Structures are given as structure tokens and as C-alpha cells.
Amino acid sequence: MAQTRSTRFALNADDEAVLEAADKFARTELAPLSRRMDDEEWWPPEAFARIGAAGFMGATVPPDYGGAGMDLFASGLVCQAFARWNPAMALSWAAHDNLCVNNIYRNASEAQRRRYLPGLCDGSKIGALGLTEPGAGSDALGGMRTTARRDGDHYVLNGSKLYITNGPVADVLLVYAKTAPERGAKGISAFIVEKHFPGFSVAQKLIKMGFRGSPTGELVFDDCRVPVANLVGAENEGVKIVMSGLDLERALVAELCVGIAERALDLSVAYAKTRSQFGQPIGNFQMVQALLAEMYTETEAMKALVWRTLASVNDLEIGGGGRGEAHKLTAASILFAGEACNRVLNKAVQVHGGSGYIWESEINRLFRCIKILEIGAGTSEVRKMIIAEELLKG
């Protein structure tokens, strides 16, 4: 499958069916939630269960654990479709399904899979990933201050995590902490933390410019006791999980950019056909036509690189990533997609003119989402560093 996917640059019939089904669900079920989520920073509590019932949760997890049994490429198409109609929900879904659920499936023990995946796959439990800290963003590994100390049959975690998508509502979190701080990045371990564990709390919910309604928060671990059985993988080998997970995250999150850009283009074309000035639709003016043509070209270029990247890492081995071609290509995909999405939305607001500047408009809501796509999962500057480092190794 990986070879077949990597040698083509268009969707096959099965891919189209996944994209169409996810689009229909998102247009019907998720789009009506989008306005209130943005206006009120509101989280719809039943949304994940509805997504699970529709078969879009646990996308990359086999049915034996309650998942949908898709591959990474197909899960990216679900993300793309969701982003067209409700970017905030698409972001929360990605943080849950890719950053948490897929990482647990790929790296956890059989007992951990059996315990946690069914609830995460049916949407009755919400997942999150705890990596970024107040003093550790781009330097997430070197700057990590959260520690985990073995105490009998528990680890005791102390520290905090910041800017955690789904953090305020998460039931299950995959959290990174240093079990051997003196070893730096080679002393990091991964843990599954449940929200009711003693010593865990949500310090605050953060109010954002975009992706409003996708809850983001600060998490605190104050002598948080985590059973030894919840250590994921071997002690001090969490860096493998981090790096592999980051590459897959970048590949998937780039699909958010594709979906947002597609919707912005559709809205702009429709607006150019119906908005009249000087006695005719503004779509008749060559300057507006140029904006639309540039938006289309950027969006199609995005698809080509994003789909190629997803195909290339579709069967990434366990522990793979963090180096080599996968590391370089996933960084390039999210780098280009994030910056191209910015350009597309800037043009889309220009096409909409004054109406695009109004907070309540859909195009304004999309525009306010895009900046984080040049920041999250590694800033554009970090992405360029990764690409250059891999190029110069040869």
C-alpha cells in the first residue's frame, strides 16, 4: 500500500469515498456548531461521541480495539474534510486522534491498549498530548522541566504543561516528563495520565484568537501519582515516541491547512459571483480574478505536497521518524502548507473586502485560525532548521 500511495499524486476511489463521507458528516453535524464555538469558546460535550458513532474516531486504530481501521492517509482526509466546516473541531479531533490515540496505539503495551483505546475510539473519552511547557516550546525536549520520580509502584510527576489542545476537557493524556534530568533529551519518558489521578489539575483555560472552541489550557502536576503500569515504552526512551509522533503530527496537521484553504476558496468564488460593484459582479474584474487564480494554485500545490507526504509516512515503522527523509519531508509539508494557507486566507479576506473584516463572518473565522498553523507542531523557523539540517548531512 505504501508503495502504491507514494507513486501517485491523486486520490483513488476509496480515498474519494472517505473524503466524501467525512465531508458530508462535517457539513451536517459539525458546521452548525462552528459559530457558537467561536463566539463563546464553547466546547460541545457530545460532539466526540457523535464523531465516534459515525466511525471517524480512532481512525488509525484496528477494529479489535474499537477503531476505524483506516491508514494514516485516510485519517488525513478526515481531518481535511472536518477542517472545511469546523476548523476548531478538526483541531481537537487531530489532537485527540493523532497526537494521543495514534501514539498510544503505536507505542503502548497490549494491556494499555485494551484499557484506554476503546473509550478513546468511541468518543466517550477525550485525549490530549502534554509536551509543551511554559519555558519549553521550540526547545520542547531540552527545555523540559516536568519530572517523574519512581516511588514504589508509582511515578510522581511534578511540573506543568502549557498550550495543550483539549487539555481542559481531556480524560486521558499522553504526558512526557524527565525521569533522568541529567541525561537531557535521553532521559525523557512517556506516561498515560488520567484526569482523576491525584495531583493533576487544569490551571487555566486559555482564550485564543483562532480555533476558538477547541479548548486549550495549562496543566499542572503537583506530586501527581501515576501507576508504573502507565509508563509507555521503556523508561528514558520517550524521545523516540516524541520524535516519531511529531513527524506524524506534522503530516496530519498540514491537512488542516488544506481544508481551511479549500473552504476559503469556495467562499471567495461564491462571493465574487454574487457581490456587485460598479454595476457588475466583482468576479468580472481582472484583479479579483487574479486573487482567485492565485488562491486556487496555492491550494492545489498544498494538496500535492501534503498528500505525497502522508503517503510517504503512511507506514512509518514504530519508533521511526525524527531523522532522515521522513523528518525532512514532514517539516517541508507543514512549512509550505502553513505559509501557503496564510497567503490564501489573506487573499480571501481581500476578495471579501469589508465583510471579511467583520468578526462574525465565516471568512474572518477562518482567517483567525491560520497563524497557529505557522507556530504549532514546530514553528516555521524550526521547520526550516530541520530541513536544512537534513540537507546538509549529506
Protein backbone atom coordinates (compact mmCIF):
# COMPACT_ATOMS: atom_id res chain seq x y z
CA MET A 1 0.00 0.00 0.00
CA ALA A 2 2.79 2.46 0.89
CA GLN A 3 4.49 1.92 -2.46
CA THR A 4 1.24 2.36 -4.36
CA ARG A 5 0.36 5.52 -2.46
CA SER A 6 3.82 7.07 -2.81
CA THR A 7 3.83 6.73 -6.59
CA ARG A 8 0.65 8.66 -7.30
CA PHE A 9 -0.50 12.22 -6.74
CA ALA A 10 -4.28 11.94 -6.84
CA LEU A 11 -6.94 10.26 -4.76
CA ASN A 12 -8.26 6.85 -5.72
CA ALA A 13 -11.89 5.78 -5.43
CA ASP A 14 -11.53 4.58 -1.84
CA ASP A 15 -9.88 7.84 -0.81
CA GLU A 16 -12.60 9.87 -2.50
CA ALA A 17 -15.23 7.85 -0.64
CA VAL A 18 -13.58 8.58 2.72
CA LEU A 19 -13.27 12.28 1.92
CA GLU A 20 -16.87 12.50 0.72
CA ALA A 21 -18.26 10.67 3.76
CA ALA A 22 -16.28 12.81 6.19
CA ASP A 23 -17.28 15.97 4.33
CA LYS A 24 -20.97 15.04 4.43
CA PHE A 25 -20.80 14.31 8.16
CA ALA A 26 -18.90 17.50 8.94
CA ARG A 27 -21.20 19.66 6.81
CA THR A 28 -24.27 18.21 8.54
CA GLU A 29 -23.10 17.68 12.12
CA LEU A 30 -20.09 19.93 12.76
CA ALA A 31 -20.72 23.07 10.70
CA PRO A 32 -23.78 24.08 12.80
CA LEU A 33 -21.58 24.08 15.92
CA SER A 34 -18.89 26.31 14.49
CA ARG A 35 -20.39 29.76 15.09
CA ARG A 36 -21.19 29.20 18.76
CA MET A 37 -17.81 27.57 19.39
CA ASP A 38 -16.11 30.67 18.03
CA ASP A 39 -18.38 33.21 19.70
CA GLU A 40 -18.29 31.67 23.18
CA GLU A 41 -15.14 29.50 23.24
CA TRP A 42 -17.75 26.78 23.76
CA TRP A 43 -16.96 23.06 23.72
CA PRO A 44 -19.89 20.86 22.59
CA PRO A 45 -19.75 17.96 25.06
CA GLU A 46 -21.48 15.37 22.86
CA ALA A 47 -19.55 16.08 19.66
CA PHE A 48 -16.83 13.46 20.08
CA ALA A 49 -19.38 10.72 20.81
CA ARG A 50 -21.21 11.65 17.61
CA ILE A 51 -17.96 11.57 15.64
CA GLY A 52 -17.21 8.16 17.17
CA ALA A 53 -20.66 6.82 16.32
CA ALA A 54 -20.11 7.91 12.72
CA GLY A 55 -16.91 5.88 12.55
CA PHE A 56 -14.35 8.69 12.44
CA MET A 57 -12.71 8.24 15.85
CA GLY A 58 -9.67 6.03 16.32
CA ALA A 59 -9.14 6.35 12.60
CA THR A 60 -5.77 4.58 12.55
CA VAL A 61 -6.65 2.00 15.23
CA PRO A 62 -7.72 -1.53 14.22
CA PRO A 63 -11.32 -2.56 14.86
CA ASP A 64 -10.13 -5.07 17.50
CA TYR A 65 -9.53 -2.07 19.78
CA GLY A 66 -12.65 -0.21 18.68
CA GLY A 67 -11.02 1.87 15.95
CA ALA A 68 -12.00 2.57 12.34
CA GLY A 69 -9.12 0.60 10.83
CA MET A 70 -8.03 3.32 8.39
CA ASP A 71 -4.47 4.15 7.50
CA LEU A 72 -2.75 7.47 8.19
CA PHE A 73 -3.50 8.77 4.70
CA ALA A 74 -7.24 8.20 5.10
CA SER A 75 -7.19 9.81 8.56
CA GLY A 76 -5.63 12.88 6.94
CA LEU A 77 -8.57 13.09 4.54
CA VAL A 78 -10.96 13.02 7.51
CA CYS A 79 -9.01 15.91 9.03
CA GLN A 80 -9.17 17.81 5.73
CA ALA A 81 -12.93 17.40 5.47
CA PHE A 82 -13.56 18.38 9.09
CA ALA A 83 -11.39 21.50 8.66
CA ARG A 84 -13.55 22.71 5.79
CA TRP A 85 -16.62 23.00 8.01
CA ASN A 86 -15.38 23.40 11.58
CA PRO A 87 -11.65 24.07 11.97
CA ALA A 88 -11.83 24.18 15.77
CA MET A 89 -13.38 20.73 15.96
CA ALA A 90 -10.90 19.47 13.37
CA LEU A 91 -8.01 20.67 15.54
CA SER A 92 -9.41 18.99 18.64
CA TRP A 93 -10.04 15.81 16.66
CA ALA A 94 -6.45 15.85 15.37
CA ALA A 95 -5.02 16.36 18.87
CA HIS A 96 -7.16 13.51 20.16
CA ASP A 97 -6.92 11.04 17.30
CA ASN A 98 -3.35 11.56 16.12
CA LEU A 99 -1.34 13.05 18.97
CA CYS A 100 -2.92 10.91 21.69
CA VAL A 101 -4.75 7.88 20.29
CA ASN A 102 -2.39 7.02 17.43
CA ASN A 103 0.64 7.45 19.69
CA ILE A 104 -0.87 5.15 22.31
CA TYR A 105 -1.73 2.54 19.68
CA ARG A 106 1.76 2.64 18.16
CA ASN A 107 3.75 2.65 21.40
CA ALA A 108 1.67 1.29 24.29
CA SER A 109 1.62 -2.21 25.71
CA GLU A 110 -1.21 -4.59 24.91
CA ALA A 111 -2.69 -4.06 28.37
CA GLN A 112 -2.58 -0.28 27.93
CA ARG A 113 -4.20 -0.56 24.52
CA ARG A 114 -7.02 -2.70 25.88
CA ARG A 115 -7.58 -0.34 28.80
CA TYR A 116 -7.59 3.00 27.02
CA LEU A 117 -8.26 2.65 23.30
CA PRO A 118 -11.93 1.53 23.32
CA GLY A 119 -13.15 4.65 25.16
CA LEU A 120 -10.93 6.93 23.10
CA CYS A 121 -12.13 5.30 19.88
CA ASP A 122 -15.86 5.58 20.61
CA GLY A 123 -15.53 9.22 21.65
CA SER A 124 -16.67 8.68 25.24
CA LYS A 125 -13.18 9.71 26.38
CA ILE A 126 -11.23 12.74 25.16
CA GLY A 127 -7.49 12.53 24.61
CA ALA A 128 -4.66 15.06 24.66
CA LEU A 129 -0.87 15.23 24.44
CA GLY A 130 1.22 17.01 27.09
CA LEU A 131 4.59 18.13 25.69
CA THR A 132 4.93 21.93 25.55
CA GLU A 133 5.77 23.80 28.76
CA PRO A 134 5.94 27.47 29.82
CA GLY A 135 9.70 27.50 29.21
CA ALA A 136 9.88 24.79 26.58
CA GLY A 137 8.21 25.45 23.24
CA SER A 138 10.54 25.19 20.26
CA ASP A 139 13.07 23.57 22.62
CA ALA A 140 10.47 21.14 23.93
CA LEU A 141 12.97 18.41 24.81
CA GLY A 142 15.96 20.36 26.05
CA GLY A 143 13.85 22.85 27.97
CA MET A 144 11.52 20.31 29.56
CA ARG A 145 11.26 20.80 33.34
CA THR A 146 8.48 18.36 34.23
CA THR A 147 9.98 15.43 36.13
CA ALA A 148 8.88 11.93 37.06
CA ARG A 149 10.40 10.19 40.08
CA ARG A 150 9.87 6.49 40.78
CA ASP A 151 8.22 5.85 44.15
CA GLY A 152 7.34 2.20 44.64
CA ASP A 153 4.65 1.19 42.20
CA HIS A 154 4.05 4.79 41.09
CA TYR A 155 5.86 7.63 39.38
CA VAL A 156 5.46 11.05 40.97
CA LEU A 157 5.18 13.83 38.36
CA ASN A 158 5.92 17.49 39.07
CA GLY A 159 5.76 20.35 36.62
CA SER A 160 3.38 21.97 34.17
CA LYS A 161 2.37 21.86 30.52
CA LEU A 162 1.13 24.86 28.51
CA TYR A 163 -0.86 25.42 25.30
CA ILE A 164 -2.30 21.91 25.49
CA THR A 165 -5.08 21.35 22.97
CA ASN A 166 -8.02 19.53 24.63
CA GLY A 167 -6.25 19.91 28.00
CA PRO A 168 -9.23 21.44 29.84
CA VAL A 169 -11.60 18.65 28.76
CA ALA A 170 -9.28 15.65 28.39
CA ASP A 171 -9.93 12.39 30.20
CA VAL A 172 -6.71 10.69 29.08
CA LEU A 173 -3.39 12.40 28.40
CA LEU A 174 -0.09 11.17 26.99
CA VAL A 175 2.43 13.16 29.02
CA TYR A 176 6.20 13.49 28.69
CA ALA A 177 8.43 14.01 31.72
CA LYS A 178 12.11 13.64 32.56
CA THR A 179 12.90 10.51 34.56
CA ALA A 180 16.63 11.22 34.30
CA PRO A 181 17.00 15.01 34.00
CA GLU A 182 20.79 14.79 33.93
CA ARG A 183 20.55 12.91 30.61
CA GLY A 184 18.63 15.69 28.86
CA ALA A 185 16.51 14.51 25.94
CA LYS A 186 17.73 10.95 26.51
CA GLY A 187 16.15 10.96 29.96
CA ILE A 188 12.53 11.52 28.88
CA SER A 189 9.73 9.03 29.47
CA ALA A 190 6.08 8.89 28.36
CA PHE A 191 3.12 8.29 30.67
CA ILE A 192 -0.62 7.83 30.32
CA VAL A 193 -2.28 10.16 32.83
CA GLU A 194 -5.98 10.11 33.71
CA LYS A 195 -7.66 13.32 34.75
CA HIS A 196 -8.66 11.94 38.16
CA PHE A 197 -5.11 10.97 39.18
CA PRO A 198 -4.18 12.70 42.48
CA GLY A 199 -2.06 15.78 41.89
CA PHE A 200 -3.30 16.54 38.36
CA SER A 201 -5.25 19.72 37.68
CA VAL A 202 -6.13 22.19 34.94
CA ALA A 203 -4.68 25.55 35.99
CA GLN A 204 -6.46 27.62 33.38
CA LYS A 205 -8.30 27.57 30.08
CA LEU A 206 -6.72 29.93 27.55
CA ILE A 207 -8.72 32.28 25.32
CA LYS A 208 -7.39 32.28 21.76
CA MET A 209 -7.52 34.37 18.61
CA GLY A 210 -8.47 31.44 16.39
CA PHE A 211 -9.63 27.84 16.59
CA ARG A 212 -11.89 29.13 19.35
CA GLY A 213 -13.96 26.39 20.93
CA SER A 214 -11.10 23.93 20.67
CA PRO A 215 -10.15 24.11 24.37
CA THR A 216 -6.52 24.93 25.15
CA GLY A 217 -5.11 25.09 28.64
CA GLU A 218 -2.34 24.89 31.19
CA LEU A 219 -1.94 21.65 33.11
CA VAL A 220 -0.27 21.22 36.49
CA PHE A 221 1.30 18.12 38.03
CA ASP A 222 1.78 18.56 41.78
CA ASP A 223 3.11 15.28 43.14
CA CYS A 224 0.82 13.61 40.61
CA ARG A 225 0.90 9.86 41.19
CA VAL A 226 0.90 7.76 38.03
CA PRO A 227 1.00 3.94 38.23
CA VAL A 228 4.15 2.31 36.92
CA ALA A 229 1.83 0.31 34.67
CA ASN A 230 1.11 3.57 32.81
CA LEU A 231 4.69 4.06 31.65
CA VAL A 232 4.58 3.89 27.84
CA GLY A 233 7.56 2.07 26.41
CA ALA A 234 10.81 1.83 28.32
CA GLU A 235 11.96 4.34 30.91
CA ASN A 236 14.17 7.10 29.44
CA GLU A 237 13.25 6.18 25.87
CA GLY A 238 10.37 8.59 25.39
CA VAL A 239 12.32 10.67 22.88
CA LYS A 240 11.64 8.00 20.25
CA ILE A 241 7.92 8.38 20.82
CA VAL A 242 8.17 12.18 20.77
CA MET A 243 10.09 12.42 17.51
CA SER A 244 8.10 9.79 15.64
CA GLY A 245 4.88 11.36 16.88
CA LEU A 246 5.94 14.85 15.84
CA ASP A 247 6.63 13.75 12.27
CA LEU A 248 3.22 12.09 12.01
CA GLU A 249 1.60 15.11 13.65
CA ARG A 250 3.13 17.47 11.10
CA ALA A 251 1.97 15.27 8.24
CA LEU A 252 -1.59 15.21 9.54
CA VAL A 253 -1.89 18.82 10.75
CA ALA A 254 -0.91 20.02 7.27
CA GLU A 255 -4.32 18.70 6.21
CA LEU A 256 -5.96 21.32 8.42
CA CYS A 257 -4.38 23.89 6.12
CA VAL A 258 -5.73 22.16 3.03
CA GLY A 259 -9.29 22.01 4.34
CA ILE A 260 -9.29 25.63 5.50
CA ALA A 261 -7.86 26.82 2.17
CA GLU A 262 -10.43 24.82 0.20
CA ARG A 263 -13.29 26.37 2.12
CA ALA A 264 -11.83 29.86 1.78
CA LEU A 265 -11.55 29.41 -1.97
CA ASP A 266 -15.14 28.18 -2.28
CA LEU A 267 -16.43 31.11 -0.21
CA SER A 268 -14.40 33.59 -2.25
CA VAL A 269 -15.56 32.26 -5.60
CA ALA A 270 -19.18 32.40 -4.44
CA TYR A 271 -18.72 35.93 -3.11
CA ALA A 272 -17.05 37.09 -6.34
CA LYS A 273 -20.06 35.83 -8.29
CA THR A 274 -22.70 37.49 -6.11
CA ARG A 275 -21.10 40.73 -4.86
CA SER A 276 -21.68 43.57 -7.34
CA GLN A 277 -19.82 46.84 -7.65
CA PHE A 278 -19.86 49.37 -10.47
CA GLY A 279 -22.87 47.57 -11.93
CA GLN A 280 -21.36 44.10 -12.25
CA PRO A 281 -20.11 41.12 -10.18
CA ILE A 282 -16.64 41.73 -8.77
CA GLY A 283 -15.60 38.40 -10.31
CA ASN A 284 -15.60 40.23 -13.66
CA PHE A 285 -12.64 42.34 -12.58
CA GLN A 286 -9.23 41.00 -13.51
CA MET A 287 -7.67 41.93 -10.16
CA VAL A 288 -10.21 39.79 -8.32
CA GLN A 289 -9.76 37.02 -10.88
CA ALA A 290 -6.00 37.12 -10.21
CA LEU A 291 -6.58 36.70 -6.49
CA LEU A 292 -8.84 33.69 -7.08
CA ALA A 293 -6.37 32.12 -9.52
CA GLU A 294 -3.52 32.51 -7.04
CA MET A 295 -5.63 31.01 -4.23
CA TYR A 296 -6.50 28.02 -6.41
CA THR A 297 -2.89 27.44 -7.40
CA GLU A 298 -1.64 27.61 -3.80
CA THR A 299 -4.36 25.21 -2.64
CA GLU A 300 -3.61 22.66 -5.35
CA ALA A 301 0.12 22.87 -4.66
CA MET A 302 -0.64 22.30 -0.98
CA LYS A 303 -2.61 19.17 -1.77
CA ALA A 304 0.18 17.72 -3.90
CA LEU A 305 2.85 18.06 -1.19
CA VAL A 306 0.60 17.21 1.75
CA TRP A 307 -0.80 14.08 0.11
CA ARG A 308 2.64 13.00 -1.07
CA THR A 309 3.98 13.41 2.47
CA LEU A 310 1.13 11.47 4.07
CA ALA A 311 1.68 8.68 1.55
CA SER A 312 5.40 8.60 2.31
CA VAL A 313 4.93 8.20 6.08
CA ASN A 314 1.78 6.12 5.82
CA ASP A 315 3.61 3.01 7.05
CA LEU A 316 6.31 4.66 9.14
CA GLU A 317 7.83 1.98 11.36
CA ILE A 318 7.34 2.08 15.13
CA GLY A 319 9.96 4.44 16.53
CA GLY A 320 10.68 5.75 13.06
CA GLY A 321 10.92 9.43 12.28
CA GLY A 322 12.88 12.20 13.90
CA ARG A 323 15.55 11.80 11.28
CA GLY A 324 16.12 11.29 7.57
CA GLU A 325 13.68 11.69 4.72
CA ALA A 326 10.52 11.44 6.84
CA HIS A 327 11.75 14.15 9.19
CA LYS A 328 12.66 16.45 6.31
CA LEU A 329 9.54 15.84 4.26
CA THR A 330 7.03 16.26 7.09
CA ALA A 331 8.72 19.52 8.11
CA ALA A 332 8.54 20.71 4.49
CA SER A 333 4.88 19.75 4.21
CA ILE A 334 3.71 21.69 7.25
CA LEU A 335 6.08 24.57 6.45
CA PHE A 336 4.64 25.06 2.98
CA ALA A 337 1.05 24.30 3.96
CA GLY A 338 1.07 26.71 6.90
CA GLU A 339 2.57 29.59 4.95
CA ALA A 340 0.51 28.91 1.82
CA CYS A 341 -2.67 28.80 3.91
CA ASN A 342 -1.73 32.21 5.29
CA ARG A 343 -1.38 33.59 1.77
CA VAL A 344 -4.67 32.03 0.62
CA LEU A 345 -6.65 33.42 3.55
CA ASN A 346 -5.09 36.85 3.21
CA LYS A 347 -6.30 36.94 -0.40
CA ALA A 348 -9.70 35.55 0.62
CA VAL A 349 -10.27 38.39 3.08
CA GLN A 350 -9.19 40.84 0.37
CA VAL A 351 -11.80 39.41 -2.02
CA HIS A 352 -14.46 39.78 0.68
CA GLY A 353 -13.44 43.36 1.42
CA GLY A 354 -15.23 44.95 4.36
CA SER A 355 -17.39 41.90 5.04
CA GLY A 356 -14.24 39.81 5.52
CA TYR A 357 -13.10 42.15 8.27
CA ILE A 358 -16.22 41.56 10.34
CA TRP A 359 -15.70 39.14 13.24
CA GLU A 360 -18.93 37.20 12.65
CA SER A 361 -18.18 36.32 9.02
CA GLU A 362 -17.04 32.79 8.22
CA ILE A 363 -14.05 34.02 6.25
CA ASN A 364 -12.95 36.06 9.26
CA ARG A 365 -13.22 32.97 11.45
CA LEU A 366 -11.02 31.05 9.02
CA PHE A 367 -8.53 33.91 8.82
CA ARG A 368 -8.11 33.98 12.60
CA CYS A 369 -7.20 30.28 12.58
CA ILE A 370 -4.26 30.38 10.26
CA LYS A 371 -1.46 31.92 12.33
CA ILE A 372 -1.17 28.99 14.73
CA LEU A 373 -0.53 26.75 11.71
CA GLU A 374 2.84 28.53 11.37
CA ILE A 375 3.53 28.05 15.09
CA GLY A 376 2.13 24.74 16.35
CA ALA A 377 3.95 21.43 15.81
CA GLY A 378 7.16 23.43 15.49
CA THR A 379 7.32 26.99 14.19
CA SER A 380 8.13 27.76 10.57
CA GLU A 381 11.64 28.66 11.71
CA VAL A 382 12.11 25.29 13.42
CA ARG A 383 10.76 23.53 10.33
CA LYS A 384 13.35 25.29 8.18
CA MET A 385 16.10 24.29 10.61
CA ILE A 386 15.03 20.64 10.35
CA ILE A 387 15.01 20.71 6.56
CA ALA A 388 18.38 22.45 6.31
CA GLU A 389 19.99 20.10 8.83
CA GLU A 390 18.88 17.04 6.89
CA LEU A 391 20.02 18.57 3.59
CA LEU A 392 23.46 19.42 4.97
CA LYS A 393 24.05 15.98 6.47
CA GLY A 394 24.96 14.66 3.07
